[in-house]
Protein backbone atom coordinates (compact mmCIF):
# COMPACT_ATOMS: atom_id res chain seq x y z
CA MET A 1 -36.21 9.25 -30.75
CA LYS A 2 -36.89 8.83 -27.07
CA LEU A 3 -34.96 5.34 -27.38
CA ALA A 4 -32.33 6.78 -29.17
CA ALA A 5 -31.27 9.46 -26.50
CA LEU A 6 -32.06 6.96 -24.24
CA ALA A 7 -29.78 4.00 -25.52
CA ALA A 8 -27.01 7.09 -26.06
CA LEU A 9 -27.50 7.87 -21.95
CA GLY A 10 -26.92 4.45 -21.81
CA ALA A 11 -23.39 3.61 -23.48
CA ALA A 12 -22.00 6.98 -21.58
CA ALA A 13 -23.00 6.16 -18.09
CA ALA A 14 -21.79 2.38 -19.55
CA SER A 15 -18.20 4.27 -20.43
CA ILE A 16 -18.46 6.91 -17.18
CA ALA A 17 -18.35 3.46 -15.29
CA LEU A 18 -15.65 1.55 -16.91
CA ALA A 19 -13.27 3.51 -16.67
CA ALA A 20 -10.14 3.38 -14.02
CA PRO A 21 -10.33 5.82 -12.02
CA ALA A 22 -7.62 8.33 -12.24
CA GLN A 23 -5.06 7.93 -8.74
CA ALA A 24 -1.89 9.18 -7.94
CA ASP A 25 1.04 7.82 -8.16
CA PRO A 26 2.75 7.43 -4.34
CA ASP A 27 6.07 6.09 -5.34
CA THR A 28 6.21 10.24 -7.12
CA ASP A 29 3.62 12.19 -4.56
CA PHE A 30 7.16 10.18 -2.52
CA ALA A 31 10.04 11.28 -3.79
CA ASN A 32 8.60 14.72 -4.58
CA GLU A 33 7.93 15.59 -0.73
CA LEU A 34 11.68 13.62 -0.01
CA HIS A 35 12.30 16.93 -2.52
CA THR A 36 10.82 19.18 -0.17
CA TYR A 37 13.43 18.31 2.63
CA GLY A 38 16.10 17.86 0.32
CA ILE A 39 16.27 14.70 -0.56
CA TYR A 40 16.79 13.47 -3.82
CA GLY A 41 17.91 10.70 -5.20
CA PRO A 42 16.51 7.46 -7.80
CA ARG A 43 12.42 7.71 -7.72
CA ASP A 44 12.47 3.80 -7.73
CA TYR A 45 15.13 3.63 -5.53
CA ASN A 46 14.08 5.81 -2.62
CA ALA A 47 10.35 4.52 -2.75
CA TRP A 48 12.27 1.02 -2.10
CA ILE A 49 13.96 1.92 0.62
CA GLY A 50 10.97 3.76 2.13
CA LYS A 51 8.74 -0.19 1.40
CA ILE A 52 11.74 -1.57 2.84
CA ALA A 53 11.73 0.61 6.11
CA CYS A 54 8.05 -0.88 6.37
CA LYS A 55 8.81 -4.01 5.89
CA ARG A 56 11.40 -4.47 8.70
CA LEU A 57 8.77 -1.60 10.88
CA HIS A 58 6.73 -4.49 10.09
CA ASN A 59 8.06 -7.85 10.88
CA GLY A 60 10.34 -6.38 14.19
CA LEU A 61 13.80 -6.57 12.32
CA ASP A 62 13.76 -3.19 13.67
CA ARG A 63 12.30 -3.14 16.64
CA ASN A 64 11.93 1.18 16.70
CA ALA A 65 11.54 4.33 14.93
CA ASN A 66 16.17 4.47 15.95
CA ASP A 67 16.38 1.56 14.59
CA SER A 68 14.65 2.43 11.34
CA VAL A 69 16.45 5.66 11.16
CA ASN A 70 20.08 3.93 11.42
CA PHE A 71 18.47 1.15 8.25
CA VAL A 72 17.16 4.34 6.53
CA THR A 73 20.58 6.03 7.42
CA LYS A 74 22.91 3.33 5.87
CA GLN A 75 21.29 3.95 2.64
CA LEU A 76 20.50 7.57 1.86
CA ASP A 77 23.53 9.97 0.51
CA ARG A 78 26.12 9.88 3.13
CA ASP A 79 25.85 13.47 2.92
CA SER A 80 22.15 13.64 3.83
CA THR A 81 22.08 14.43 7.67
CA THR A 82 20.21 12.34 10.90
CA ALA A 83 17.30 15.39 10.54
CA GLN A 84 16.59 14.00 6.46
CA SER A 85 16.24 10.70 7.48
CA TRP A 86 14.33 11.77 10.21
CA GLN A 87 12.32 12.39 8.07
CA PHE A 88 12.91 10.29 5.07
CA LEU A 89 11.52 7.34 7.47
CA GLY A 90 8.08 9.80 8.81
CA THR A 91 7.72 10.48 4.65
CA ALA A 92 8.20 6.70 3.98
CA ILE A 93 5.42 5.93 7.36
CA ASN A 94 2.79 7.72 5.74
CA TYR A 95 3.66 6.82 2.10
CA TYR A 96 3.61 3.22 2.49
CA CYS A 97 2.30 1.54 6.21
CA PRO A 98 0.54 5.12 7.82
CA ASP A 99 -0.74 1.31 10.58
CA GLN A 100 3.23 2.27 11.76
CA ARG A 101 2.99 5.40 12.58
CA PHE A 102 2.96 5.02 16.19
CA VAL A 103 6.81 4.17 15.90
CA MET A 104 7.56 7.72 15.37
CA GLU A 105 4.68 8.72 18.00
CA GLN A 106 6.87 6.66 20.70
CA ALA A 107 10.18 7.99 19.28
CA ALA A 108 8.93 11.49 20.19
CA ALA A 109 7.73 10.55 23.20
CA ASP A 110 10.79 9.27 24.13
CA SER A 111 13.00 12.34 22.96
CA ALA A 112 11.25 13.94 24.94
CA HIS A 113 11.82 12.77 28.43
């Protein structure tokens, strides 16, 4: 009896250890946050643009947040506002390239002067 209980406990522990951890889909979370800013569009397209914006910053193609916002603006719906382009970039950085947050901080510091 004790052996059977021990075997059942071991099997349960093994199944828990082998179960894949539940993870949120960052593209869906990204799209949901964009919706709070009134930015809509295909989830995959917006995620793709966000990831490209990060890659452009990382590779130095966009030297600063203003350059990146110009890129984002060209990709968003033509009725999007400048504020929405900035919100899109900030959200993309938070989800896909948090190591680039400093570009937003630099832009904020530059606009304060």
